[in-house]
Amino acid sequence: MILAADRVQVYVAIGWVDMRKSIDGLSMLVSAQFRLNPLSGHLFAFTNRRRTVVKILYWDRNGFCLWHKRLEKEHFRWPQAAEEVLEIGHRELRWLLDGLEIKQSQAHANLKYATVY
């Protein structure tokens, strides 16, 4: 799996993207439309209109990597949001790739504390 350290953020493009786009087209989409840096090392996830394909673009030390998954049956439960791009956690990305909703009603919420008493 492509998941890296916790400092790596995951961005999901809402809506669909033409899956004929490869590294150059997707990296231009990340920088021009989403105003994010494709060289940051963060993960950028895209799907097609039928939600049967996911591509994840990321920069790895000295070049771009493009991870691709195609489903033979079913479709991905791609999130809907008002924003063009949605930041999610690594756990939610795993859920998404496993065919689950990223907002699980019974999942424990992530807690982040600044201090311990």
PDB file of N, CA and C in Angstrom:
ATOM      1  N   MET A   1       0.844  -1.181   0.000  1.00  0.00           N
ATOM      2  CA  MET A   1       0.000   0.000   0.000  1.00  0.00           C
ATOM      3  C   MET A   1       0.885   1.238   0.000  1.00  0.00           C
ATOM      4  N   ILE A   2       0.378   2.315  -0.513  1.00  0.00           N
ATOM      5  CA  ILE A   2       1.160   3.525  -0.702  1.00  0.00           C
ATOM      6  C   ILE A   2       1.156   4.450   0.502  1.00  0.00           C
ATOM      7  N   LEU A   3       0.441   4.104   1.549  1.00  0.00           N
ATOM      8  CA  LEU A   3       0.327   5.006   2.689  1.00  0.00           C
ATOM      9  C   LEU A   3       1.661   5.160   3.388  1.00  0.00           C
ATOM     10  N   ALA A   4       1.994   6.394   3.674  1.00  0.00           N
ATOM     11  CA  ALA A   4       3.271   6.709   4.295  1.00  0.00           C
ATOM     12  C   ALA A   4       3.041   7.248   5.705  1.00  0.00           C
ATOM     13  N   ALA A   5       3.960   8.012   6.173  1.00  0.00           N
ATOM     14  CA  ALA A   5       3.903   8.560   7.524  1.00  0.00           C
ATOM     15  C   ALA A   5       2.683   9.461   7.718  1.00  0.00           C
ATOM     16  N   ASP A   6       2.351   9.696   8.982  1.00  0.00           N
ATOM     17  CA  ASP A   6       1.185  10.512   9.315  1.00  0.00           C
ATOM     18  C   ASP A   6       1.295  11.944   8.812  1.00  0.00           C
ATOM     19  N   ARG A   7       2.492  12.419   8.582  1.00  0.00           N
ATOM     20  CA  ARG A   7       2.646  13.803   8.120  1.00  0.00           C
ATOM     21  C   ARG A   7       2.182  13.979   6.680  1.00  0.00           C
ATOM     22  N   VAL A   8       2.007  12.881   5.959  1.00  0.00           N
ATOM     23  CA  VAL A   8       1.526  12.943   4.581  1.00  0.00           C
ATOM     24  C   VAL A   8       0.013  13.089   4.601  1.00  0.00           C
ATOM     25  N   GLN A   9      -0.473  14.128   3.944  1.00  0.00           N
ATOM     26  CA  GLN A   9      -1.911  14.372   3.891  1.00  0.00           C
ATOM     27  C   GLN A   9      -2.506  13.695   2.666  1.00  0.00           C
ATOM     28  N   VAL A  10      -3.803  13.442   2.729  1.00  0.00           N
ATOM     29  CA  VAL A  10      -4.529  12.801   1.639  1.00  0.00           C
ATOM     30  C   VAL A  10      -5.610  13.763   1.158  1.00  0.00           C
ATOM     31  N   TYR A  11      -5.586  14.073  -0.133  1.00  0.00           N
ATOM     32  CA  TYR A  11      -6.582  14.953  -0.733  1.00  0.00           C
ATOM     33  C   TYR A  11      -7.378  14.163  -1.767  1.00  0.00           C
ATOM     34  N   VAL A  12      -8.699  14.246  -1.682  1.00  0.00           N
ATOM     35  CA  VAL A  12      -9.587  13.552  -2.610  1.00  0.00           C
ATOM     36  C   VAL A  12     -10.258  14.599  -3.486  1.00  0.00           C
ATOM     37  N   ALA A  13     -10.109  14.448  -4.799  1.00  0.00           N
ATOM     38  CA  ALA A  13     -10.778  15.342  -5.739  1.00  0.00           C
ATOM     39  C   ALA A  13     -12.250  14.957  -5.812  1.00  0.00           C
ATOM     40  N   ILE A  14     -13.122  15.892  -5.501  1.00  0.00           N
ATOM     41  CA  ILE A  14     -14.552  15.636  -5.543  1.00  0.00           C
ATOM     42  C   ILE A  14     -15.001  15.667  -7.002  1.00  0.00           C
ATOM     43  N   GLY A  15     -15.956  14.823  -7.327  1.00  0.00           N
ATOM     44  CA  GLY A  15     -16.393  14.723  -8.718  1.00  0.00           C
ATOM     45  C   GLY A  15     -15.534  13.713  -9.444  1.00  0.00           C
ATOM     46  N   TRP A  16     -15.539  13.796 -10.754  1.00  0.00           N
ATOM     47  CA  TRP A  16     -14.788  12.816 -11.537  1.00  0.00           C
ATOM     48  C   TRP A  16     -13.780  13.504 -12.437  1.00  0.00           C
ATOM     49  N   VAL A  17     -12.793  12.718 -12.853  1.00  0.00           N
ATOM     50  CA  VAL A  17     -11.709  13.196 -13.706  1.00  0.00           C
ATOM     51  C   VAL A  17     -11.580  12.229 -14.881  1.00  0.00           C
ATOM     52  N   ASP A  18     -11.228  12.755 -16.031  1.00  0.00           N
ATOM     53  CA  ASP A  18     -10.969  11.925 -17.208  1.00  0.00           C
ATOM     54  C   ASP A  18      -9.755  11.047 -16.907  1.00  0.00           C
ATOM     55  N   MET A  19      -9.949   9.746 -16.864  1.00  0.00           N
ATOM     56  CA  MET A  19      -8.875   8.830 -16.487  1.00  0.00           C
ATOM     57  C   MET A  19      -7.830   8.649 -17.580  1.00  0.00           C
ATOM     58  N   ARG A  20      -7.997   9.322 -18.718  1.00  0.00           N
ATOM     59  CA  ARG A  20      -6.921   9.331 -19.707  1.00  0.00           C
ATOM     60  C   ARG A  20      -5.783  10.224 -19.255  1.00  0.00           C
ATOM     61  N   LYS A  21      -6.068  11.087 -18.269  1.00  0.00           N
ATOM     62  CA  LYS A  21      -5.008  11.936 -17.712  1.00  0.00           C
ATOM     63  C   LYS A  21      -4.006  11.050 -16.984  1.00  0.00           C
ATOM     64  N   SER A  22      -2.760  11.382 -17.147  1.00  0.00           N
ATOM     65  CA  SER A  22      -1.715  10.659 -16.449  1.00  0.00           C
ATOM     66  C   SER A  22      -0.997  11.630 -15.518  1.00  0.00           C
ATOM     67  N   ILE A  23       0.247  11.419 -15.271  1.00  0.00           N
ATOM     68  CA  ILE A  23       0.990  12.212 -14.292  1.00  0.00           C
ATOM     69  C   ILE A  23       0.961  13.705 -14.610  1.00  0.00           C
ATOM     70  N   ASP A  24       1.278  14.077 -15.841  1.00  0.00           N
ATOM     71  CA  ASP A  24       1.332  15.499 -16.182  1.00  0.00           C
ATOM     72  C   ASP A  24      -0.029  16.171 -16.037  1.00  0.00           C
ATOM     73  N   GLY A  25      -1.073  15.550 -16.573  1.00  0.00           N
ATOM     74  CA  GLY A  25      -2.411  16.138 -16.504  1.00  0.00           C
ATOM     75  C   GLY A  25      -2.930  16.240 -15.083  1.00  0.00           C
ATOM     76  N   LEU A  26      -2.717  15.205 -14.296  1.00  0.00           N
ATOM     77  CA  LEU A  26      -3.188  15.225 -12.912  1.00  0.00           C
ATOM     78  C   LEU A  26      -2.395  16.206 -12.062  1.00  0.00           C
ATOM     79  N   SER A  27      -1.082  16.301 -12.269  1.00  0.00           N
ATOM     80  CA  SER A  27      -0.289  17.251 -11.486  1.00  0.00           C
ATOM     81  C   SER A  27      -0.657  18.689 -11.832  1.00  0.00           C
ATOM     82  N   MET A  28      -0.983  18.959 -13.099  1.00  0.00           N
ATOM     83  CA  MET A  28      -1.439  20.304 -13.476  1.00  0.00           C
ATOM     84  C   MET A  28      -2.794  20.600 -12.837  1.00  0.00           C
ATOM     85  N   LEU A  29      -3.656  19.609 -12.746  1.00  0.00           N
ATOM     86  CA  LEU A  29      -4.958  19.779 -12.093  1.00  0.00           C
ATOM     87  C   LEU A  29      -4.770  20.108 -10.611  1.00  0.00           C
ATOM     88  N   VAL A  30      -3.859  19.414  -9.949  1.00  0.00           N
ATOM     89  CA  VAL A  30      -3.585  19.662  -8.537  1.00  0.00           C
ATOM     90  C   VAL A  30      -3.104  21.097  -8.322  1.00  0.00           C
ATOM     91  N   SER A  31      -2.171  21.547  -9.153  1.00  0.00           N
ATOM     92  CA  SER A  31      -1.611  22.887  -8.932  1.00  0.00           C
ATOM     93  C   SER A  31      -2.532  23.996  -9.429  1.00  0.00           C
ATOM     94  N   ALA A  32      -3.137  23.849 -10.590  1.00  0.00           N
ATOM     95  CA  ALA A  32      -3.931  24.942 -11.167  1.00  0.00           C
ATOM     96  C   ALA A  32      -5.333  25.033 -10.569  1.00  0.00           C
ATOM     97  N   GLN A  33      -6.040  23.932 -10.497  1.00  0.00           N
ATOM     98  CA  GLN A  33      -7.434  23.979 -10.051  1.00  0.00           C
ATOM     99  C   GLN A  33      -7.559  23.935  -8.534  1.00  0.00           C
ATOM    100  N   PHE A  34      -6.768  23.090  -7.884  1.00  0.00           N
ATOM    101  CA  PHE A  34      -6.895  22.932  -6.436  1.00  0.00           C
ATOM    102  C   PHE A  34      -5.959  23.837  -5.650  1.00  0.00           C
ATOM    103  N   ARG A  35      -5.006  24.479  -6.337  1.00  0.00           N
ATOM    104  CA  ARG A  35      -4.048  25.385  -5.699  1.00  0.00           C
ATOM    105  C   ARG A  35      -3.234  24.677  -4.612  1.00  0.00           C
ATOM    106  N   LEU A  36      -2.835  23.439  -4.912  1.00  0.00           N
ATOM    107  CA  LEU A  36      -1.993  22.663  -4.003  1.00  0.00           C
ATOM    108  C   LEU A  36      -0.695  22.321  -4.721  1.00  0.00           C
ATOM    109  N   ASN A  37       0.323  21.963  -3.970  1.00  0.00           N
ATOM    110  CA  ASN A  37       1.626  21.666  -4.538  1.00  0.00           C
ATOM    111  C   ASN A  37       1.752  20.164  -4.816  1.00  0.00           C
ATOM    112  N   PRO A  38       1.788  19.751  -6.075  1.00  0.00           N
ATOM    113  CA  PRO A  38       1.903  18.316  -6.369  1.00  0.00           C
ATOM    114  C   PRO A  38       3.268  17.730  -5.985  1.00  0.00           C
ATOM    115  N   LEU A  39       4.251  18.577  -5.705  1.00  0.00           N
ATOM    116  CA  LEU A  39       5.583  18.118  -5.303  1.00  0.00           C
ATOM    117  C   LEU A  39       5.728  17.979  -3.790  1.00  0.00           C
ATOM    118  N   SER A  40       4.633  18.148  -3.061  1.00  0.00           N
ATOM    119  CA  SER A  40       4.665  18.156  -1.595  1.00  0.00           C
ATOM    120  C   SER A  40       4.866  16.777  -0.981  1.00  0.00           C
ATOM    121  N   GLY A  41       4.620  15.715  -1.732  1.00  0.00           N
ATOM    122  CA  GLY A  41       4.685  14.371  -1.180  1.00  0.00           C
ATOM    123  C   GLY A  41       3.345  13.887  -0.656  1.00  0.00           C
ATOM    124  N   HIS A  42       2.328  14.758  -0.681  1.00  0.00           N
ATOM    125  CA  HIS A  42       0.989  14.377  -0.252  1.00  0.00           C
ATOM    126  C   HIS A  42       0.333  13.507  -1.329  1.00  0.00           C
ATOM    127  N   LEU A  43      -0.710  12.787  -0.948  1.00  0.00           N
ATOM    128  CA  LEU A  43      -1.433  11.912  -1.856  1.00  0.00           C
ATOM    129  C   LEU A  43      -2.640  12.639  -2.423  1.00  0.00           C
ATOM    130  N   PHE A  44      -2.849  12.551  -3.742  1.00  0.00           N
ATOM    131  CA  PHE A  44      -3.971  13.186  -4.418  1.00  0.00           C
ATOM    132  C   PHE A  44      -4.760  12.101  -5.150  1.00  0.00           C
ATOM    133  N   ALA A  45      -6.010  11.881  -4.722  1.00  0.00           N
ATOM    134  CA  ALA A  45      -6.822  10.786  -5.250  1.00  0.00           C
ATOM    135  C   ALA A  45      -7.889  11.311  -6.209  1.00  0.00           C
ATOM    136  N   PHE A  46      -8.090  10.573  -7.297  1.00  0.00           N
ATOM    137  CA  PHE A  46      -9.052  10.925  -8.341  1.00  0.00           C
ATOM    138  C   PHE A  46      -9.848   9.684  -8.736  1.00  0.00           C
ATOM    139  N   THR A  47     -11.065   9.889  -9.215  1.00  0.00           N
ATOM    140  CA  THR A  47     -11.859   8.780  -9.738  1.00  0.00           C
ATOM    141  C   THR A  47     -12.476   9.161 -11.070  1.00  0.00           C
ATOM    142  N   ASN A  48     -12.978   8.146 -11.776  1.00  0.00           N
ATOM    143  CA  ASN A  48     -13.645   8.382 -13.057  1.00  0.00           C
ATOM    144  C   ASN A  48     -15.141   8.586 -12.837  1.00  0.00           C
ATOM    145  N   ARG A  49     -15.870   8.843 -13.921  1.00  0.00           N
ATOM    146  CA  ARG A  49     -17.298   9.134 -13.846  1.00  0.00           C
ATOM    147  C   ARG A  49     -18.087   7.965 -13.243  1.00  0.00           C
ATOM    148  N   ARG A  50     -17.742   6.739 -13.605  1.00  0.00           N
ATOM    149  CA  ARG A  50     -18.467   5.562 -13.106  1.00  0.00           C
ATOM    150  C   ARG A  50     -17.972   5.101 -11.744  1.00  0.00           C
ATOM    151  N   ARG A  51     -16.928   5.749 -11.220  1.00  0.00           N
ATOM    152  CA  ARG A  51     -16.335   5.442  -9.914  1.00  0.00           C
ATOM    153  C   ARG A  51     -15.858   3.988  -9.831  1.00  0.00           C
ATOM    154  N   THR A  52     -15.280   3.511 -10.927  1.00  0.00           N
ATOM    155  CA  THR A  52     -14.713   2.158 -10.958  1.00  0.00           C
ATOM    156  C   THR A  52     -13.189   2.173 -10.978  1.00  0.00           C
ATOM    157  N   VAL A  53     -12.615   3.361 -11.121  1.00  0.00           N
ATOM    158  CA  VAL A  53     -11.159   3.513 -11.184  1.00  0.00           C
ATOM    159  C   VAL A  53     -10.738   4.607 -10.210  1.00  0.00           C
ATOM    160  N   VAL A  54      -9.643   4.354  -9.498  1.00  0.00           N
ATOM    161  CA  VAL A  54      -9.023   5.376  -8.657  1.00  0.00           C
ATOM    162  C   VAL A  54      -7.564   5.488  -9.067  1.00  0.00           C
ATOM    163  N   LYS A  55      -7.113   6.732  -9.205  1.00  0.00           N
ATOM    164  CA  LYS A  55      -5.695   7.011  -9.399  1.00  0.00           C
ATOM    165  C   LYS A  55      -5.240   7.894  -8.252  1.00  0.00           C
ATOM    166  N   ILE A  56      -4.070   7.583  -7.724  1.00  0.00           N
ATOM    167  CA  ILE A  56      -3.488   8.377  -6.645  1.00  0.00           C
ATOM    168  C   ILE A  56      -2.110   8.837  -7.101  1.00  0.00           C
ATOM    169  N   LEU A  57      -1.946  10.142  -7.141  1.00  0.00           N
ATOM    170  CA  LEU A  57      -0.702  10.774  -7.574  1.00  0.00           C
ATOM    171  C   LEU A  57       0.070  11.243  -6.354  1.00  0.00           C
ATOM    172  N   TYR A  58       1.388  11.022  -6.351  1.00  0.00           N
ATOM    173  CA  TYR A  58       2.219  11.559  -5.279  1.00  0.00           C
ATOM    174  C   TYR A  58       3.664  11.672  -5.764  1.00  0.00           C
ATOM    175  N   TRP A  59       4.403  12.553  -5.112  1.00  0.00           N
ATOM    176  CA  TRP A  59       5.816  12.770  -5.390  1.00  0.00           C
ATOM    177  C   TRP A  59       6.629  11.949  -4.409  1.00  0.00           C
ATOM    178  N   ASP A  60       7.581  11.173  -4.904  1.00  0.00           N
ATOM    179  CA  ASP A  60       8.413  10.336  -4.046  1.00  0.00           C
ATOM    180  C   ASP A  60       9.884  10.636  -4.310  1.00  0.00           C
ATOM    181  N   ARG A  61      10.479  11.479  -3.516  1.00  0.00           N
ATOM    182  CA  ARG A  61      11.891  11.860  -3.515  1.00  0.00           C
ATOM    183  C   ARG A  61      12.409  12.439  -4.831  1.00  0.00           C
ATOM    184  N   ASN A  62      12.329  11.699  -5.928  1.00  0.00           N
ATOM    185  CA  ASN A  62      12.931  12.189  -7.169  1.00  0.00           C
ATOM    186  C   ASN A  62      12.041  11.981  -8.394  1.00  0.00           C
ATOM    187  N   GLY A  63      10.762  11.758  -8.159  1.00  0.00           N
ATOM    188  CA  GLY A  63       9.858  11.598  -9.291  1.00  0.00           C
ATOM    189  C   GLY A  63       8.432  11.323  -8.852  1.00  0.00           C
ATOM    190  N   PHE A  64       7.514  11.494  -9.791  1.00  0.00           N
ATOM    191  CA  PHE A  64       6.112  11.238  -9.512  1.00  0.00           C
ATOM    192  C   PHE A  64       5.814   9.752  -9.551  1.00  0.00           C
ATOM    193  N   CYS A  65       4.853   9.340  -8.727  1.00  0.00           N
ATOM    194  CA  CYS A  65       4.326   7.975  -8.756  1.00  0.00           C
ATOM    195  C   CYS A  65       2.825   8.072  -9.002  1.00  0.00           C
ATOM    196  N   LEU A  66       2.309   7.127  -9.738  1.00  0.00           N
ATOM    197  CA  LEU A  66       0.876   7.085 -10.020  1.00  0.00           C
ATOM    198  C   LEU A  66       0.377   5.685  -9.698  1.00  0.00           C
ATOM    199  N   TRP A  67      -0.435   5.601  -8.661  1.00  0.00           N
ATOM    200  CA  TRP A  67      -1.020   4.342  -8.221  1.00  0.00           C
ATOM    201  C   TRP A  67      -2.406   4.245  -8.850  1.00  0.00           C
ATOM    202  N   HIS A  68      -2.769   3.066  -9.339  1.00  0.00           N
ATOM    203  CA  HIS A  68      -4.001   2.893 -10.110  1.00  0.00           C
ATOM    204  C   HIS A  68      -4.719   1.640  -9.624  1.00  0.00           C
ATOM    205  N   LYS A  69      -6.020   1.760  -9.355  1.00  0.00           N
ATOM    206  CA  LYS A  69      -6.829   0.594  -8.990  1.00  0.00           C
ATOM    207  C   LYS A  69      -8.107   0.615  -9.808  1.00  0.00           C
ATOM    208  N   ARG A  70      -8.416  -0.533 -10.437  1.00  0.00           N
ATOM    209  CA  ARG A  70      -9.648  -0.661 -11.220  1.00  0.00           C
ATOM    210  C   ARG A  70     -10.478  -1.785 -10.630  1.00  0.00           C
ATOM    211  N   LEU A  71     -11.746  -1.488 -10.356  1.00  0.00           N
ATOM    212  CA  LEU A  71     -12.656  -2.501  -9.842  1.00  0.00           C
ATOM    213  C   LEU A  71     -13.286  -3.270 -11.002  1.00  0.00           C
ATOM    214  N   GLU A  72     -13.444  -4.552 -10.831  1.00  0.00           N
ATOM    215  CA  GLU A  72     -14.099  -5.379 -11.843  1.00  0.00           C
ATOM    216  C   GLU A  72     -15.607  -5.431 -11.617  1.00  0.00           C
ATOM    217  N   LYS A  73     -16.043  -5.268 -10.377  1.00  0.00           N
ATOM    218  CA  LYS A  73     -17.456  -5.203 -10.016  1.00  0.00           C
ATOM    219  C   LYS A  73     -17.613  -4.082  -9.004  1.00  0.00           C
ATOM    220  N   GLU A  74     -18.843  -3.599  -8.851  1.00  0.00           N
ATOM    221  CA  GLU A  74     -19.158  -2.556  -7.871  1.00  0.00           C
ATOM    222  C   GLU A  74     -18.547  -1.207  -8.269  1.00  0.00           C
ATOM    223  N   HIS A  75     -18.553  -0.268  -7.331  1.00  0.00           N
ATOM    224  CA  HIS A  75     -17.939   1.039  -7.550  1.00  0.00           C
ATOM    225  C   HIS A  75     -17.476   1.605  -6.206  1.00  0.00           C
ATOM    226  N   PHE A  76     -16.586   2.586  -6.280  1.00  0.00           N
ATOM    227  CA  PHE A  76     -16.094   3.246  -5.078  1.00  0.00           C
ATOM    228  C   PHE A  76     -17.170   4.175  -4.543  1.00  0.00           C
ATOM    229  N   ARG A  77     -17.268   4.280  -3.246  1.00  0.00           N
ATOM    230  CA  ARG A  77     -18.220   5.183  -2.605  1.00  0.00           C
ATOM    231  C   ARG A  77     -17.530   6.531  -2.425  1.00  0.00           C
ATOM    232  N   TRP A  78     -17.472   7.273  -3.517  1.00  0.00           N
ATOM    233  CA  TRP A  78     -16.731   8.533  -3.554  1.00  0.00           C
ATOM    234  C   TRP A  78     -17.481   9.595  -2.782  1.00  0.00           C
ATOM    235  N   PRO A  79     -16.790  10.379  -1.972  1.00  0.00           N
ATOM    236  CA  PRO A  79     -17.475  11.389  -1.151  1.00  0.00           C
ATOM    237  C   PRO A  79     -18.064  12.523  -1.985  1.00  0.00           C
ATOM    238  N   GLN A  80     -19.113  13.103  -1.452  1.00  0.00           N
ATOM    239  CA  GLN A  80     -19.742  14.285  -2.039  1.00  0.00           C
ATOM    240  C   GLN A  80     -19.501  15.445  -1.079  1.00  0.00           C
ATOM    241  N   ALA A  81     -19.116  16.579  -1.605  1.00  0.00           N
ATOM    242  CA  ALA A  81     -18.859  17.748  -0.758  1.00  0.00           C
ATOM    243  C   ALA A  81     -19.005  19.006  -1.597  1.00  0.00           C
ATOM    244  N   ALA A  82     -19.108  20.122  -0.918  1.00  0.00           N
ATOM    245  CA  ALA A  82     -19.226  21.399  -1.611  1.00  0.00           C
ATOM    246  C   ALA A  82     -17.877  21.866  -2.155  1.00  0.00           C
ATOM    247  N   GLU A  83     -16.793  21.415  -1.533  1.00  0.00           N
ATOM    248  CA  GLU A  83     -15.463  21.817  -1.958  1.00  0.00           C
ATOM    249  C   GLU A  83     -15.044  21.035  -3.199  1.00  0.00           C
ATOM    250  N   GLU A  84     -14.013  21.517  -3.886  1.00  0.00           N
ATOM    251  CA  GLU A  84     -13.467  20.796  -5.030  1.00  0.00           C
ATOM    252  C   GLU A  84     -12.558  19.666  -4.600  1.00  0.00           C
ATOM    253  N   VAL A  85     -11.928  19.847  -3.445  1.00  0.00           N
ATOM    254  CA  VAL A  85     -11.009  18.835  -2.926  1.00  0.00           C
ATOM    255  C   VAL A  85     -11.271  18.691  -1.434  1.00  0.00           C
ATOM    256  N   LEU A  86     -11.199  17.464  -0.957  1.00  0.00           N
ATOM    257  CA  LEU A  86     -11.503  17.159   0.426  1.00  0.00           C
ATOM    258  C   LEU A  86     -10.282  16.507   1.063  1.00  0.00           C
ATOM    259  N   GLU A  87      -9.872  17.007   2.221  1.00  0.00           N
ATOM    260  CA  GLU A  87      -8.749  16.397   2.936  1.00  0.00           C
ATOM    261  C   GLU A  87      -9.300  15.312   3.862  1.00  0.00           C
ATOM    262  N   ILE A  88      -8.747  14.112   3.746  1.00  0.00           N
ATOM    263  CA  ILE A  88      -9.182  13.005   4.588  1.00  0.00           C
ATOM    264  C   ILE A  88      -7.961  12.380   5.249  1.00  0.00           C
ATOM    265  N   GLY A  89      -8.194  11.494   6.181  1.00  0.00           N
ATOM    266  CA  GLY A  89      -7.104  10.807   6.857  1.00  0.00           C
ATOM    267  C   GLY A  89      -6.741   9.504   6.166  1.00  0.00           C
ATOM    268  N   HIS A  90      -5.665   8.887   6.638  1.00  0.00           N
ATOM    269  CA  HIS A  90      -5.203   7.621   6.062  1.00  0.00           C
ATOM    270  C   HIS A  90      -6.233   6.512   6.266  1.00  0.00           C
ATOM    271  N   ARG A  91      -6.863   6.513   7.423  1.00  0.00           N
ATOM    272  CA  ARG A  91      -7.887   5.511   7.713  1.00  0.00           C
ATOM    273  C   ARG A  91      -9.051   5.630   6.732  1.00  0.00           C
ATOM    274  N   GLU A  92      -9.476   6.865   6.462  1.00  0.00           N
ATOM    275  CA  GLU A  92     -10.579   7.079   5.532  1.00  0.00           C
ATOM    276  C   GLU A  92     -10.200   6.687   4.103  1.00  0.00           C
ATOM    277  N   LEU A  93      -8.925   6.895   3.734  1.00  0.00           N
ATOM    278  CA  LEU A  93      -8.479   6.462   2.408  1.00  0.00           C
ATOM    279  C   LEU A  93      -8.555   4.939   2.298  1.00  0.00           C
ATOM    280  N   ARG A  94      -8.129   4.232   3.333  1.00  0.00           N
ATOM    281  CA  ARG A  94      -8.235   2.765   3.324  1.00  0.00           C
ATOM    282  C   ARG A  94      -9.686   2.330   3.175  1.00  0.00           C
ATOM    283  N   TRP A  95     -10.573   2.999   3.915  1.00  0.00           N
ATOM    284  CA  TRP A  95     -11.998   2.682   3.806  1.00  0.00           C
ATOM    285  C   TRP A  95     -12.487   2.907   2.381  1.00  0.00           C
ATOM    286  N   LEU A  96     -12.130   4.039   1.815  1.00  0.00           N
ATOM    287  CA  LEU A  96     -12.560   4.381   0.458  1.00  0.00           C
ATOM    288  C   LEU A  96     -12.096   3.326  -0.540  1.00  0.00           C
ATOM    289  N   LEU A  97     -10.840   2.910  -0.445  1.00  0.00           N
ATOM    290  CA  LEU A  97     -10.306   1.915  -1.367  1.00  0.00           C
ATOM    291  C   LEU A  97     -10.893   0.526  -1.128  1.00  0.00           C
ATOM    292  N   ASP A  98     -11.414   0.289   0.080  1.00  0.00           N
ATOM    293  CA  ASP A  98     -12.069  -0.984   0.386  1.00  0.00           C
ATOM    294  C   ASP A  98     -13.562  -0.969   0.064  1.00  0.00           C
ATOM    295  N   GLY A  99     -14.057   0.141  -0.470  1.00  0.00           N
ATOM    296  CA  GLY A  99     -15.464   0.209  -0.858  1.00  0.00           C
ATOM    297  C   GLY A  99     -16.395   0.708   0.220  1.00  0.00           C
ATOM    298  N   LEU A 100     -15.852   1.299   1.263  1.00  0.00           N
ATOM    299  CA  LEU A 100     -16.670   1.805   2.354  1.00  0.00           C
ATOM    300  C   LEU A 100     -16.828   3.314   2.249  1.00  0.00           C
ATOM    301  N   GLU A 101     -17.829   3.834   2.938  1.00  0.00           N
ATOM    302  CA  GLU A 101     -18.016   5.284   3.047  1.00  0.00           C
ATOM    303  C   GLU A 101     -16.901   5.853   3.923  1.00  0.00           C
ATOM    304  N   ILE A 102     -16.470   7.070   3.640  1.00  0.00           N
ATOM    305  CA  ILE A 102     -15.412   7.655   4.482  1.00  0.00           C
ATOM    306  C   ILE A 102     -15.969   8.187   5.794  1.00  0.00           C
ATOM    307  N   LYS A 103     -17.258   8.400   5.857  1.00  0.00           N
ATOM    308  CA  LYS A 103     -17.905   8.838   7.099  1.00  0.00           C
ATOM    309  C   LYS A 103     -18.651   7.648   7.679  1.00  0.00           C
ATOM    310  N   GLN A 104     -17.991   6.896   8.532  1.00  0.00           N
ATOM    311  CA  GLN A 104     -18.597   5.728   9.165  1.00  0.00           C
ATOM    312  C   GLN A 104     -19.319   6.181  10.435  1.00  0.00           C
ATOM    313  N   SER A 105     -20.596   5.877  10.522  1.00  0.00           N
ATOM    314  CA  SER A 105     -21.376   6.323  11.679  1.00  0.00           C
ATOM    315  C   SER A 105     -20.959   5.624  12.964  1.00  0.00           C
ATOM    316  N   GLN A 106     -20.369   4.431  12.871  1.00  0.00           N
ATOM    317  CA  GLN A 106     -19.995   3.708  14.074  1.00  0.00           C
ATOM    318  C   GLN A 106     -18.497   3.731  14.348  1.00  0.00           C
ATOM    319  N   ALA A 107     -17.744   4.446  13.557  1.00  0.00           N
ATOM    320  CA  ALA A 107     -16.297   4.494  13.766  1.00  0.00           C
ATOM    321  C   ALA A 107     -15.963   5.474  14.888  1.00  0.00           C
ATOM    322  N   HIS A 108     -14.867   5.197  15.564  1.00  0.00           N
ATOM    323  CA  HIS A 108     -14.406   6.122  16.597  1.00  0.00           C
ATOM    324  C   HIS A 108     -13.782   7.339  15.935  1.00  0.00           C
ATOM    325  N   ALA A 109     -14.088   8.495  16.454  1.00  0.00           N
ATOM    326  CA  ALA A 109     -13.528   9.734  15.914  1.00  0.00           C
ATOM    327  C   ALA A 109     -12.058   9.857  16.312  1.00  0.00           C
ATOM    328  N   ASN A 110     -11.265  10.508  15.456  1.00  0.00           N
ATOM    329  CA  ASN A 110      -9.869  10.799  15.795  1.00  0.00           C
ATOM    330  C   ASN A 110      -9.835  11.898  16.841  1.00  0.00           C
ATOM    331  N   LEU A 111      -9.065  11.690  17.885  1.00  0.00           N
ATOM    332  CA  LEU A 111      -8.897  12.704  18.923  1.00  0.00           C
ATOM    333  C   LEU A 111      -7.457  13.178  18.911  1.00  0.00           C
ATOM    334  N   LYS A 112      -7.269  14.485  19.004  1.00  0.00           N
ATOM    335  CA  LYS A 112      -5.927  15.056  19.041  1.00  0.00           C
ATOM    336  C   LYS A 112      -5.870  16.037  20.202  1.00  0.00           C
ATOM    337  N   TYR A 113      -5.061  15.677  21.193  1.00  0.00           N
ATOM    338  CA  TYR A 113      -4.906  16.513  22.364  1.00  0.00           C
ATOM    339  C   TYR A 113      -3.555  17.215  22.326  1.00  0.00           C
ATOM    340  N   ALA A 114      -3.526  18.417  22.887  1.00  0.00           N
ATOM    341  CA  ALA A 114      -2.292  19.170  22.960  1.00  0.00           C
ATOM    342  C   ALA A 114      -1.515  18.874  24.245  1.00  0.00           C
ATOM    343  N   THR A 115      -2.241  18.556  25.311  1.00  0.00           N
ATOM    344  CA  THR A 115      -1.588  18.278  26.591  1.00  0.00           C
ATOM    345  C   THR A 115      -2.222  17.063  27.242  1.00  0.00           C
ATOM    346  N   VAL A 116      -1.488  16.488  28.190  1.00  0.00           N
ATOM    347  CA  VAL A 116      -1.983  15.359  28.975  1.00  0.00           C
ATOM    348  C   VAL A 116      -1.972  15.791  30.425  1.00  0.00           C
ATOM    349  N   TYR A 117      -3.050  15.537  31.146  1.00  0.00           N
ATOM    350  CA  TYR A 117      -3.133  15.935  32.570  1.00  0.00           C
ATOM    351  C   TYR A 117      -2.802  14.785  33.452  1.00  0.00           C
TER     352      TYR A 117
END
